Amino acid sequence: MTDTVALKELIGKKGLKMKYVAEYLGLSAYGFQLKVENKQEFKTSEVSALCELLQIDSLSEKEKIFFAQKMI
């Protein structure tokens, strides 16, 4: 499960727009939004591309953003 808030904050801190990130991944803005909001899952290749674009190098940060535990 993606940590929506953390991902959006990181995109903003890098000075990027959601539409640009979507296009970078080859997704429509709506398709990217669905994945960010956990209505669809990111593919492994998309997570890898996001990590490259957002300069996420540490495994702990990747896990925090892309593999957040679901709150019950």
C-alpha atoms as a PDB file:
ATOM      1  CA  MET A   1       0.000   0.000   0.000  1.00  0.00           C
ATOM      2  CA  THR A   2       1.379   3.397  -0.994  1.00  0.00           C
ATOM      3  CA  ASP A   3       1.737   6.151   1.598  1.00  0.00           C
ATOM      4  CA  THR A   4      -0.207   8.745  -0.399  1.00  0.00           C
ATOM      5  CA  VAL A   5       0.724  11.709   1.791  1.00  0.00           C
ATOM      6  CA  ALA A   6       4.452  10.906   1.827  1.00  0.00           C
ATOM      7  CA  LEU A   7       4.552  10.377  -1.949  1.00  0.00           C
ATOM      8  CA  LYS A   8       2.714  13.622  -2.702  1.00  0.00           C
ATOM      9  CA  GLU A   9       4.947  15.539  -0.274  1.00  0.00           C
ATOM     10  CA  LEU A  10       8.100  14.172  -1.888  1.00  0.00           C
ATOM     11  CA  ILE A  11       6.852  15.034  -5.385  1.00  0.00           C
ATOM     12  CA  GLY A  12       6.125  18.578  -4.168  1.00  0.00           C
ATOM     13  CA  LYS A  13       9.522  18.912  -2.455  1.00  0.00           C
ATOM     14  CA  LYS A  14      11.231  17.948  -5.711  1.00  0.00           C
ATOM     15  CA  GLY A  15       9.292  20.726  -7.473  1.00  0.00           C
ATOM     16  CA  LEU A  16       7.449  18.334  -9.770  1.00  0.00           C
ATOM     17  CA  LYS A  17       3.825  18.330 -10.865  1.00  0.00           C
ATOM     18  CA  MET A  18       1.664  15.226 -10.635  1.00  0.00           C
ATOM     19  CA  LYS A  19       0.911  15.413 -14.372  1.00  0.00           C
ATOM     20  CA  TYR A  20       4.625  15.446 -15.221  1.00  0.00           C
ATOM     21  CA  VAL A  21       5.263  12.417 -13.004  1.00  0.00           C
ATOM     22  CA  ALA A  22       2.335  10.591 -14.622  1.00  0.00           C
ATOM     23  CA  GLU A  23       3.712  11.286 -18.107  1.00  0.00           C
ATOM     24  CA  TYR A  24       7.193  10.207 -16.986  1.00  0.00           C
ATOM     25  CA  LEU A  25       5.687   6.843 -16.028  1.00  0.00           C
ATOM     26  CA  GLY A  26       3.696   6.601 -19.259  1.00  0.00           C
ATOM     27  CA  LEU A  27       0.389   6.961 -17.412  1.00  0.00           C
ATOM     28  CA  SER A  28      -2.522   9.313 -17.773  1.00  0.00           C
ATOM     29  CA  ALA A  29      -2.988  11.814 -14.947  1.00  0.00           C
ATOM     30  CA  TYR A  30      -6.086   9.876 -13.885  1.00  0.00           C
ATOM     31  CA  GLY A  31      -4.298   6.515 -14.006  1.00  0.00           C
ATOM     32  CA  PHE A  32      -1.494   7.892 -11.837  1.00  0.00           C
ATOM     33  CA  GLN A  33      -4.013   9.361  -9.403  1.00  0.00           C
ATOM     34  CA  LEU A  34      -5.668   5.948  -9.014  1.00  0.00           C
ATOM     35  CA  LYS A  35      -2.330   4.401  -8.098  1.00  0.00           C
ATOM     36  CA  VAL A  36      -1.344   7.177  -5.704  1.00  0.00           C
ATOM     37  CA  GLU A  37      -4.716   6.821  -3.939  1.00  0.00           C
ATOM     38  CA  ASN A  38      -4.347   3.013  -3.688  1.00  0.00           C
ATOM     39  CA  LYS A  39      -7.259   2.254  -5.995  1.00  0.00           C
ATOM     40  CA  GLN A  40      -4.806   0.421  -8.281  1.00  0.00           C
ATOM     41  CA  GLU A  41      -1.354  -0.952  -7.512  1.00  0.00           C
ATOM     42  CA  PHE A  42       1.905   0.376  -8.891  1.00  0.00           C
ATOM     43  CA  LYS A  43       3.848  -2.050 -11.099  1.00  0.00           C
ATOM     44  CA  THR A  44       7.395  -2.855 -10.007  1.00  0.00           C
ATOM     45  CA  SER A  45       8.745  -0.984 -13.020  1.00  0.00           C
ATOM     46  CA  GLU A  46       6.733   2.109 -12.039  1.00  0.00           C
ATOM     47  CA  VAL A  47       8.073   2.019  -8.468  1.00  0.00           C
ATOM     48  CA  SER A  48      11.591   1.708  -9.859  1.00  0.00           C
ATOM     49  CA  ALA A  49      11.073   4.667 -12.218  1.00  0.00           C
ATOM     50  CA  LEU A  50       9.576   6.757  -9.413  1.00  0.00           C
ATOM     51  CA  CYS A  51      12.533   6.017  -7.162  1.00  0.00           C
ATOM     52  CA  GLU A  52      14.886   7.121  -9.927  1.00  0.00           C
ATOM     53  CA  LEU A  53      12.922  10.301 -10.683  1.00  0.00           C
ATOM     54  CA  LEU A  54      12.463  11.247  -7.025  1.00  0.00           C
ATOM     55  CA  GLN A  55      16.037  10.211  -6.108  1.00  0.00           C
ATOM     56  CA  ILE A  56      14.917   7.701  -3.483  1.00  0.00           C
ATOM     57  CA  ASP A  57      18.012   5.663  -2.684  1.00  0.00           C
ATOM     58  CA  SER A  58      17.432   4.188   0.750  1.00  0.00           C
ATOM     59  CA  LEU A  59      15.552   0.948   1.105  1.00  0.00           C
ATOM     60  CA  SER A  60      13.831   2.197   4.253  1.00  0.00           C
ATOM     61  CA  GLU A  61      12.416   5.225   2.416  1.00  0.00           C
ATOM     62  CA  LYS A  62      11.218   3.020  -0.463  1.00  0.00           C
ATOM     63  CA  GLU A  63       9.502   0.708   2.014  1.00  0.00           C
ATOM     64  CA  LYS A  64       7.955   3.629   3.906  1.00  0.00           C
ATOM     65  CA  ILE A  65       6.417   5.126   0.768  1.00  0.00           C
ATOM     66  CA  PHE A  66       5.576   2.146  -1.417  1.00  0.00           C
ATOM     67  CA  PHE A  67       5.039  -0.675   1.066  1.00  0.00           C
ATOM     68  CA  ALA A  68       3.246   1.095   3.916  1.00  0.00           C
ATOM     69  CA  GLN A  69       1.262  -1.170   6.196  1.00  0.00           C
ATOM     70  CA  LYS A  70      -2.489  -0.894   5.912  1.00  0.00           C
ATOM     71  CA  MET A  71      -4.106   0.511   9.047  1.00  0.00           C
ATOM     72  CA  ILE A  72      -6.901  -1.702  10.307  1.00  0.00           C
END
